[in-house]
Amino acid sequence: MIWTHDVFGNSVAIACFSGQTDRPVIESRMTLNQRTDWPVFDIDAGAGTCPFCYSDDEKTDLGRSPAGLG
């Protein structure tokens, strides 16, 4: 079974069968993951692509954290 997503974000499964039958039986089991959408915060337009660079002001705010050293 192959899983993919359509243009609307829906999960779509494609199943291939090994032979023919006169009585198809399809069984399904499902596990639902209930979670909030990620990210739950706004992303600055400049951070929408990778890699991105921090401005000098942002580097100052980040201090000596690994992100501020670049």
Protein backbone atom coordinates (compact mmCIF):
# COMPACT_ATOMS: atom_id res chain seq x y z
CA MET A 1 0.00 0.00 0.00
CA ILE A 2 1.31 3.44 -0.91
CA TRP A 3 0.29 6.53 1.04
CA THR A 4 0.33 10.04 -0.42
CA HIS A 5 -1.52 13.36 -0.07
CA ASP A 6 -3.82 15.04 -2.57
CA VAL A 7 -3.78 18.77 -3.38
CA PHE A 8 -6.13 19.44 -0.45
CA GLY A 9 -3.88 17.71 2.11
CA ASN A 10 -6.03 14.59 2.42
CA SER A 11 -4.27 11.27 2.95
CA VAL A 12 -4.77 8.91 0.01
CA ALA A 13 -3.88 5.21 -0.07
CA ILE A 14 -3.20 3.30 -3.28
CA ALA A 15 -3.49 -0.48 -2.99
CA CYS A 16 -2.26 -3.05 -5.51
CA PHE A 17 -3.70 -6.56 -5.51
CA SER A 18 -1.86 -9.72 -6.52
CA GLY A 19 -4.73 -11.32 -8.44
CA GLN A 20 -8.40 -11.34 -9.40
CA THR A 21 -11.31 -12.50 -7.28
CA ASP A 22 -15.06 -12.88 -7.64
CA ARG A 23 -15.62 -11.51 -4.14
CA PRO A 24 -13.48 -8.57 -3.05
CA VAL A 25 -13.14 -8.09 0.68
CA ILE A 26 -11.54 -4.96 2.02
CA GLU A 27 -10.75 -4.64 5.71
CA SER A 28 -9.37 -1.48 7.19
CA ARG A 29 -7.89 -0.35 10.46
CA MET A 30 -7.16 3.21 11.32
CA THR A 31 -5.12 5.07 13.89
CA LEU A 32 -5.97 8.74 14.28
CA ASN A 33 -3.46 11.27 15.51
CA GLN A 34 -5.25 14.21 17.09
CA ARG A 35 -2.95 17.17 17.37
CA THR A 36 -2.88 20.87 16.77
CA ASP A 37 -1.56 22.24 13.52
CA TRP A 38 2.12 23.03 13.48
CA PRO A 39 3.42 25.64 13.74
CA VAL A 40 1.13 27.30 16.25
CA PHE A 41 2.93 30.61 15.75
CA ASP A 42 3.44 32.95 12.82
CA ILE A 43 6.61 32.51 10.80
CA ASP A 44 8.31 35.61 9.43
CA ALA A 45 8.32 35.69 5.62
CA GLY A 46 12.14 35.77 5.67
CA ALA A 47 12.24 32.46 7.54
CA GLY A 48 9.98 30.67 5.07
CA THR A 49 12.91 29.35 3.05
CA CYS A 50 16.13 27.68 4.10
CA PRO A 51 18.79 28.67 4.67
CA PHE A 52 17.91 32.06 6.09
CA CYS A 53 20.07 34.69 7.75
CA TYR A 54 19.44 36.52 10.98
CA SER A 55 19.62 40.31 10.92
CA ASP A 56 22.27 42.02 13.07
CA ASP A 57 19.55 42.98 15.59
CA GLU A 58 18.35 39.36 15.78
CA LYS A 59 21.91 38.11 16.28
CA THR A 60 22.30 40.54 19.18
CA ASP A 61 19.04 39.28 20.70
CA LEU A 62 20.18 35.66 20.32
CA GLY A 63 23.42 36.44 22.14
CA ARG A 64 25.86 33.57 22.41
CA SER A 65 23.33 30.87 21.55
CA PRO A 66 24.44 28.65 18.63
CA ALA A 67 21.98 30.48 16.33
CA GLY A 68 23.48 33.86 17.25
CA LEU A 69 27.04 32.81 16.48
CA GLY A 70 26.49 32.44 12.72
